[in-house]
Amino acid sequence: MSLKIGFLVNPYAGSGGRTGEKGSDSKRTMNPETPDRVSRFLRYAPTSPLYFTPRLNMGENYVKGTNFNFKVLDVGREDSSAEDTKKAVALMVEQGVSIIVFAGGDGTARDICSKLAEIGIDLPILGIPTGVKMHSGVFAQTPEASGRLLSIFFKGNAREEVTDIVDVDEYEYRKGIYKVRSYFKALTIRADTLSVPPKSEIPTDDTEGIADFVIENMREDAYYVFGTGLTVKKIEKRLGFNDVNYLGVDLFLGKKLLKKNVSYLDLLNMAINRKVFIVVTPIGGQGFIFGRGNQEIGPEIIRRSGKEGIIVVSSLAKLYTIPCLRIDSGDPQLDGAFNSLKVIVGYNEFFSMNICKSITRLE
């Protein structure tokens, strides 16, 4: 009997990423990058299993006209919602699927796990990263990695593991405190560095030394794109800007703030005709410096900066939790061009970190 796979897409997930709006729970705008990211997944996914997928943009539209074996479930509509996702999960369970693969973010993962818990069944789930933050431990590094990981599972060579479905603590965030919490335990699949563990909170050390070193070496004639995260925002605070948004990306000219909470379009239009530096910190436990929670820093801005303009800052404690740095900019060729980066870990102190291999370099 052929392996049965549930496949669903949240077409709205990640729609706020490039625009600087964190999350898409309240947005009803299709993410324009989702079709390409799902297509990248399908290029590496196995075609012989039987896929059960919802109608229209919740799955059907991505597999029709391909050589994939699929059946369309009686659920899904143009203006889909979390309830459609939950109905799809219930129908997939009725069909006896062995795994549910979804394109979305942490909110979609929570919806799926909520329904599985209601039904009372443990099924492995695998996320194709199309959301914004994706702090949960069920996502692969890139869409290609999701496809490769599913193929490994199909051959019986992936291991199953319990992980956390993690998202921002909305109650704390409304009080201005950036904190993540675990909402569910979920079963997922792992193989090599294709899969990514959940975000973990790591105590920072010597961030003052990091901040002092970065500030002392800032050029007044260059743009500085400050990414998300506690370590980066502590540098902004040392510059005298205490009203920081830990989830936002800010643009400076030298030490002067030009605009808070910029979008990708803002950066494309504003960060021109001067050298561009990007200041980022890896996500604890995961290692991402691009593509998780900071999609405002899109591939063209990374190209304008170049490798020499990327300033990675982190405590050593955080680096010890990750095997390598990860990049998922939206451009696989750009991602594959990086091999290693130097990380500032203290005042004039550095640590070299490799970049996790992209799917193209695994071949």
Protein backbone atom coordinates (compact mmCIF):
# COMPACT_ATOMS: atom_id res chain seq x y z
CA MET A 1 0.00 0.00 0.00
CA SER A 2 1.29 3.44 -0.92
CA LEU A 3 2.17 5.85 1.87
CA LYS A 4 -0.63 8.34 2.53
CA ILE A 5 0.37 11.95 3.15
CA GLY A 6 -1.76 14.89 4.22
CA PHE A 7 -0.75 18.10 2.45
CA LEU A 8 -2.20 21.52 3.19
CA VAL A 9 -1.25 25.14 2.57
CA ASN A 10 -2.11 28.25 4.56
CA PRO A 11 -1.97 30.80 1.71
CA TYR A 12 -2.03 33.73 4.15
CA ALA A 13 0.88 32.62 6.32
CA GLY A 14 3.92 34.90 6.13
CA SER A 15 2.09 37.68 4.32
CA GLY A 16 3.33 40.19 6.91
CA GLY A 17 6.98 39.15 6.71
CA ARG A 18 8.36 41.44 4.01
CA THR A 19 6.10 44.31 5.08
CA GLY A 20 7.27 44.31 8.69
CA GLU A 21 3.94 43.12 10.11
CA LYS A 22 4.76 40.24 12.42
CA GLY A 23 2.50 37.30 11.80
CA SER A 24 -0.52 37.02 9.53
CA ASP A 25 -3.21 35.85 11.94
CA SER A 26 -5.34 38.93 11.25
CA LYS A 27 -4.26 39.52 7.64
CA ARG A 28 -6.36 38.30 4.73
CA THR A 29 -3.70 38.88 2.09
CA MET A 30 -2.20 36.01 0.13
CA ASN A 31 1.53 35.64 0.61
CA PRO A 32 2.94 36.23 -2.91
CA GLU A 33 6.00 34.08 -2.13
CA THR A 34 4.02 30.98 -1.13
CA PRO A 35 3.56 29.52 -4.66
CA ASP A 36 7.32 29.64 -5.29
CA ARG A 37 8.17 28.18 -1.88
CA VAL A 38 5.67 25.34 -2.29
CA SER A 39 7.03 24.68 -5.79
CA ARG A 40 10.53 24.46 -4.32
CA PHE A 41 9.25 21.88 -1.83
CA LEU A 42 7.54 19.81 -4.53
CA ARG A 43 10.74 19.59 -6.60
CA TYR A 44 12.27 17.44 -3.84
CA ALA A 45 9.20 15.70 -2.43
CA PRO A 46 8.42 12.07 -3.38
CA THR A 47 5.78 11.75 -6.12
CA SER A 48 4.63 8.15 -5.58
CA PRO A 49 2.81 8.48 -2.22
CA LEU A 50 -0.89 9.34 -2.24
CA TYR A 51 -1.44 12.93 -1.09
CA PHE A 52 -4.72 14.07 0.43
CA THR A 53 -5.14 17.80 0.03
CA PRO A 54 -7.85 20.45 0.45
CA ARG A 55 -9.40 22.34 -2.44
CA LEU A 56 -8.04 25.41 -4.23
CA ASN A 57 -5.24 27.45 -2.60
CA MET A 58 -5.21 25.20 0.46
CA GLY A 59 -3.40 22.56 -1.60
CA GLU A 60 -5.16 21.45 -4.80
CA ASN A 61 -3.90 24.33 -6.93
CA TYR A 62 -0.28 23.46 -6.20
CA VAL A 63 -0.39 19.77 -7.17
CA LYS A 64 -2.85 19.70 -10.07
CA GLY A 65 -1.07 19.40 -13.40
CA THR A 66 1.92 17.68 -11.75
CA ASN A 67 2.92 14.02 -11.65
CA PHE A 68 1.94 13.73 -7.97
CA ASN A 69 -0.75 11.24 -6.94
CA PHE A 70 -3.40 13.15 -5.03
CA LYS A 71 -7.03 13.18 -3.95
CA VAL A 72 -8.91 16.37 -3.13
CA LEU A 73 -10.66 16.52 0.22
CA ASP A 74 -14.12 18.01 0.65
CA VAL A 75 -12.83 21.11 2.41
CA GLY A 76 -11.21 24.38 1.38
CA ARG A 77 -12.44 27.63 -0.12
CA GLU A 78 -11.09 30.85 -1.56
CA ASP A 79 -11.30 32.73 1.75
CA SER A 80 -9.98 29.94 3.98
CA SER A 81 -9.57 30.14 7.74
CA ALA A 82 -8.14 28.25 10.70
CA GLU A 83 -11.38 26.28 10.85
CA ASP A 84 -10.76 25.01 7.32
CA THR A 85 -7.31 23.86 8.41
CA LYS A 86 -8.80 21.96 11.34
CA LYS A 87 -11.49 20.37 9.15
CA ALA A 88 -8.79 19.29 6.70
CA VAL A 89 -6.78 17.69 9.49
CA ALA A 90 -9.84 15.71 10.64
CA LEU A 91 -10.47 14.43 7.09
CA MET A 92 -6.78 13.49 6.69
CA VAL A 93 -6.94 11.46 9.89
CA GLU A 94 -10.06 9.68 8.57
CA GLN A 95 -8.11 8.77 5.42
CA GLY A 96 -5.32 7.20 7.49
CA VAL A 97 -2.43 9.46 6.55
CA SER A 98 0.96 8.68 8.07
CA ILE A 99 2.16 12.30 8.21
CA ILE A 100 0.76 15.80 7.69
CA VAL A 101 2.89 18.21 5.70
CA PHE A 102 1.86 21.85 5.79
CA ALA A 103 3.01 25.17 4.37
CA GLY A 104 2.60 27.88 6.97
CA GLY A 105 4.02 29.22 10.22
CA ASP A 106 3.68 28.77 13.96
CA GLY A 107 -0.03 29.69 13.89
CA THR A 108 -0.76 26.98 11.34
CA ALA A 109 1.22 24.47 13.39
CA ARG A 110 -0.84 25.39 16.45
CA ASP A 111 -4.11 24.90 14.53
CA ILE A 112 -3.02 21.45 13.33
CA CYS A 113 -1.86 20.34 16.78
CA SER A 114 -5.02 21.68 18.37
CA LYS A 115 -7.15 19.46 16.13
CA LEU A 116 -4.91 16.41 16.55
CA ALA A 117 -5.13 16.84 20.32
CA GLU A 118 -8.92 17.13 20.09
CA ILE A 119 -9.08 13.92 18.06
CA GLY A 120 -6.62 12.24 20.43
CA ILE A 121 -4.06 11.01 17.90
CA ASP A 122 -0.30 11.46 17.53
CA LEU A 123 0.76 11.99 13.91
CA PRO A 124 4.11 13.41 12.79
CA ILE A 125 3.84 16.83 11.18
CA LEU A 126 6.37 18.57 8.95
CA GLY A 127 6.39 22.28 8.15
CA ILE A 128 7.35 23.89 4.86
CA PRO A 129 8.58 27.31 6.06
CA THR A 130 6.26 29.96 4.61
CA GLY A 131 5.44 31.87 7.81
CA VAL A 132 7.22 34.72 9.59
CA LYS A 133 8.83 33.53 12.83
CA MET A 134 8.63 29.72 12.68
CA HIS A 135 10.04 29.21 16.17
CA SER A 136 8.44 25.75 16.44
CA GLY A 137 10.52 22.61 16.04
CA VAL A 138 8.54 21.05 13.17
CA PHE A 139 9.95 23.09 10.27
CA ALA A 140 12.72 22.19 7.88
CA GLN A 141 15.47 24.70 7.13
CA THR A 142 14.16 25.59 3.65
CA PRO A 143 11.33 24.43 1.35
CA GLU A 144 13.83 22.21 -0.48
CA ALA A 145 14.89 20.68 2.84
CA SER A 146 11.23 19.93 3.61
CA GLY A 147 10.93 17.99 0.36
CA ARG A 148 14.17 16.12 0.94
CA LEU A 149 13.18 15.31 4.52
CA LEU A 150 9.82 13.92 3.37
CA SER A 151 11.62 11.75 0.81
CA ILE A 152 13.87 10.40 3.55
CA PHE A 153 10.78 9.65 5.65
CA PHE A 154 9.17 7.89 2.66
CA LYS A 155 12.23 5.62 2.43
CA GLY A 156 12.03 4.84 6.15
CA ASN A 157 15.26 6.61 7.05
CA ALA A 158 13.99 9.58 9.08
CA ARG A 159 13.62 9.41 12.83
CA GLU A 160 10.54 10.59 14.70
CA GLU A 161 10.96 12.96 17.62
CA VAL A 162 8.74 14.90 20.01
CA THR A 163 9.26 18.66 19.85
CA ASP A 164 7.64 21.93 20.91
CA ILE A 165 5.16 24.10 19.07
CA VAL A 166 6.45 27.51 20.10
CA ASP A 167 5.06 30.98 19.51
CA VAL A 168 5.29 34.45 20.98
CA ASP A 169 3.55 34.78 24.35
CA GLU A 170 0.86 37.23 23.24
CA TYR A 171 -0.02 38.28 26.81
CA GLU A 172 3.58 39.24 27.60
CA TYR A 173 4.11 40.86 24.21
CA ARG A 174 1.16 43.19 24.78
CA LYS A 175 3.07 44.39 27.85
CA GLY A 176 6.17 45.06 25.73
CA ILE A 177 7.97 41.88 26.82
CA TYR A 178 9.29 39.60 24.08
CA LYS A 179 8.95 36.05 25.34
CA VAL A 180 8.14 32.75 23.67
CA ARG A 181 6.23 29.85 25.16
CA SER A 182 5.41 26.27 24.24
CA TYR A 183 1.77 25.65 23.33
CA PHE A 184 1.85 21.98 22.33
CA LYS A 185 4.10 18.94 22.14
CA ALA A 186 4.18 17.53 18.62
CA LEU A 187 5.66 14.58 16.78
CA THR A 188 7.92 15.47 13.85
CA ILE A 189 10.66 13.91 11.70
CA ARG A 190 14.39 14.60 11.73
CA ALA A 191 17.41 13.90 9.53
CA ASP A 192 20.80 15.63 9.62
CA THR A 193 20.56 19.45 9.67
CA LEU A 194 17.57 19.46 7.29
CA SER A 195 15.22 19.84 10.25
CA VAL A 196 15.39 22.65 12.78
CA PRO A 197 14.81 22.42 16.56
CA PRO A 198 12.55 24.93 18.34
CA LYS A 199 13.73 28.37 19.41
CA SER A 200 15.21 28.43 22.89
CA GLU A 201 15.78 31.37 25.21
CA ILE A 202 19.49 31.69 26.06
CA PRO A 203 20.84 34.03 28.76
CA THR A 204 23.10 36.66 27.19
CA ASP A 205 26.59 37.47 28.45
CA ASP A 206 28.99 40.30 27.62
CA THR A 207 26.47 42.05 25.41
CA GLU A 208 27.87 45.38 26.58
CA GLY A 209 31.26 44.49 25.13
CA ILE A 210 29.60 43.44 21.88
CA ALA A 211 27.62 46.69 21.72
CA ASP A 212 30.65 48.86 22.49
CA PHE A 213 32.71 47.20 19.78
CA VAL A 214 30.01 47.49 17.12
CA ILE A 215 29.32 51.15 17.96
CA GLU A 216 33.00 52.14 18.00
CA ASN A 217 33.42 50.73 14.50
CA MET A 218 30.29 52.24 12.93
CA ARG A 219 30.82 54.49 9.89
CA GLU A 220 28.90 57.76 9.74
CA ASP A 221 28.57 57.51 5.94
CA ALA A 222 27.06 54.00 5.85
CA TYR A 223 23.60 52.52 6.34
CA TYR A 224 23.04 50.08 9.20
CA VAL A 225 20.11 47.70 9.11
CA PHE A 226 19.48 46.49 12.66
CA GLY A 227 17.61 43.20 12.77
CA THR A 228 15.45 41.62 15.44
CA GLY A 229 16.37 40.08 18.79
CA LEU A 230 17.59 41.08 22.24
CA THR A 231 21.31 41.27 21.45
CA VAL A 232 20.81 43.55 18.44
CA LYS A 233 18.33 45.79 20.25
CA LYS A 234 20.77 46.23 23.14
CA ILE A 235 23.11 47.87 20.63
CA GLU A 236 20.34 50.27 19.62
CA LYS A 237 19.72 51.04 23.28
CA ARG A 238 23.42 51.83 23.75
CA LEU A 239 22.99 54.31 20.89
CA GLY A 240 20.32 56.03 22.97
CA PHE A 241 17.16 54.57 21.41
CA ASN A 242 15.33 52.92 24.29
CA ASP A 243 11.92 52.59 22.63
CA VAL A 244 12.84 49.48 20.67
CA ASN A 245 10.59 46.88 19.11
CA TYR A 246 12.33 43.53 19.56
CA LEU A 247 10.43 42.12 16.57
CA GLY A 248 11.15 45.09 14.28
CA VAL A 249 13.90 45.96 11.80
CA ASP A 250 15.31 49.51 11.95
CA LEU A 251 17.39 51.57 9.52
CA PHE A 252 20.19 53.90 10.62
CA LEU A 253 22.54 56.23 8.75
CA GLY A 254 25.62 55.97 10.88
CA LYS A 255 24.34 56.39 14.45
CA LYS A 256 21.26 58.34 13.38
CA LEU A 257 17.92 56.56 13.24
CA LEU A 258 16.23 57.04 9.87
CA LYS A 259 13.17 54.82 10.30
CA LYS A 260 11.86 52.28 12.77
CA ASN A 261 10.06 49.06 11.80
CA VAL A 262 11.00 49.25 8.14
CA SER A 263 9.62 46.98 5.44
CA TYR A 264 11.61 45.30 2.68
CA LEU A 265 10.31 47.93 0.26
CA ASP A 266 11.51 50.68 2.62
CA LEU A 267 14.99 49.23 2.61
CA LEU A 268 15.04 48.81 -1.16
CA ASN A 269 14.10 52.48 -1.61
CA MET A 270 16.15 54.01 1.22
CA ALA A 271 19.36 51.97 1.53
CA ILE A 272 20.91 53.11 -1.75
CA ASN A 273 24.11 54.80 -2.97
CA ARG A 274 26.02 54.05 0.25
CA LYS A 275 27.62 51.07 1.90
CA VAL A 276 25.08 48.85 3.70
CA PHE A 277 25.81 46.92 6.89
CA ILE A 278 23.38 44.42 8.42
CA VAL A 279 23.47 43.67 12.15
CA VAL A 280 21.85 40.36 13.10
CA THR A 281 21.94 37.76 15.85
CA PRO A 282 21.21 34.04 15.44
CA ILE A 283 18.02 32.63 16.96
CA GLY A 284 18.83 30.56 20.03
CA GLY A 285 18.59 26.83 19.45
CA GLN A 286 17.91 27.32 15.72
CA GLY A 287 20.77 29.42 14.34
CA PHE A 288 18.86 31.44 11.75
CA ILE A 289 20.31 34.86 10.93
CA PHE A 290 18.04 35.46 7.91
CA GLY A 291 14.56 34.19 7.06
CA ARG A 292 12.97 33.83 10.49
CA GLY A 293 11.25 36.88 11.92
CA ASN A 294 13.34 39.34 9.88
CA GLN A 295 12.09 38.84 6.31
CA GLU A 296 12.22 42.62 5.89
CA ILE A 297 15.93 41.98 5.24
CA GLY A 298 15.28 40.38 1.86
CA PRO A 299 17.78 38.93 -0.62
CA GLU A 300 18.49 42.18 -2.49
CA ILE A 301 19.49 43.95 0.74
CA ILE A 302 21.79 41.03 1.61
CA ARG A 303 23.37 41.36 -1.84
CA ARG A 304 23.89 45.10 -1.33
CA SER A 305 25.62 44.38 1.94
CA GLY A 306 27.71 41.47 0.74
CA LYS A 307 29.33 39.01 3.12
CA GLU A 308 31.73 41.68 4.38
CA GLY A 309 28.83 43.88 5.45
CA ILE A 310 27.04 41.27 7.58
CA ILE A 311 27.72 41.85 11.28
CA VAL A 312 26.68 38.82 13.30
CA VAL A 313 26.57 39.31 17.08
CA SER A 314 25.93 36.69 19.74
CA SER A 315 26.87 35.48 23.17
CA LEU A 316 29.03 32.38 23.24
CA ALA A 317 26.34 30.68 25.30
CA LYS A 318 23.92 31.01 22.40
CA LEU A 319 26.43 29.75 19.84
CA TYR A 320 27.00 26.63 21.92
CA THR A 321 23.31 25.73 21.37
CA ILE A 322 23.53 25.65 17.57
CA PRO A 323 25.61 23.46 15.22
CA CYS A 324 25.83 26.13 12.49
CA LEU A 325 24.23 29.35 11.25
CA ARG A 326 21.19 29.07 8.97
CA ILE A 327 20.01 31.24 6.09
CA ASP A 328 16.63 31.10 4.31
CA SER A 329 16.51 34.46 2.52
CA GLY A 330 14.04 33.39 -0.17
CA ASP A 331 16.79 33.04 -2.79
CA PRO A 332 18.36 29.55 -2.72
CA GLN A 333 21.32 30.61 -4.87
CA LEU A 334 22.15 33.45 -2.50
CA ASP A 335 21.79 31.17 0.52
CA GLY A 336 24.15 28.61 -1.01
CA ALA A 337 26.87 31.22 -1.59
CA PHE A 338 27.66 31.45 2.14
CA ASN A 339 30.04 28.98 3.77
CA SER A 340 30.97 30.63 7.08
CA LEU A 341 30.68 33.92 8.94
CA LYS A 342 32.58 35.62 11.74
CA VAL A 343 30.54 36.28 14.88
CA ILE A 344 31.30 39.07 17.36
CA VAL A 345 31.06 37.49 20.84
CA GLY A 346 32.64 40.24 22.96
CA TYR A 347 34.74 43.39 22.68
CA ASN A 348 37.09 42.64 19.76
CA GLU A 349 36.38 38.94 20.28
CA PHE A 350 35.27 36.71 17.43
CA PHE A 351 34.09 33.17 16.78
CA SER A 352 33.88 31.58 13.33
CA MET A 353 30.68 29.66 12.53
CA ASN A 354 29.93 27.51 9.50
CA ILE A 355 26.68 27.95 7.56
CA CYS A 356 24.41 24.89 7.60
CA LYS A 357 24.61 23.26 4.20
CA SER A 358 21.90 24.28 1.79
CA ILE A 359 20.08 21.58 -0.15
CA THR A 360 22.02 22.47 -3.30
CA ARG A 361 25.31 21.88 -1.52
CA LEU A 362 24.05 18.55 -0.15
CA GLU A 363 23.75 17.17 -3.67
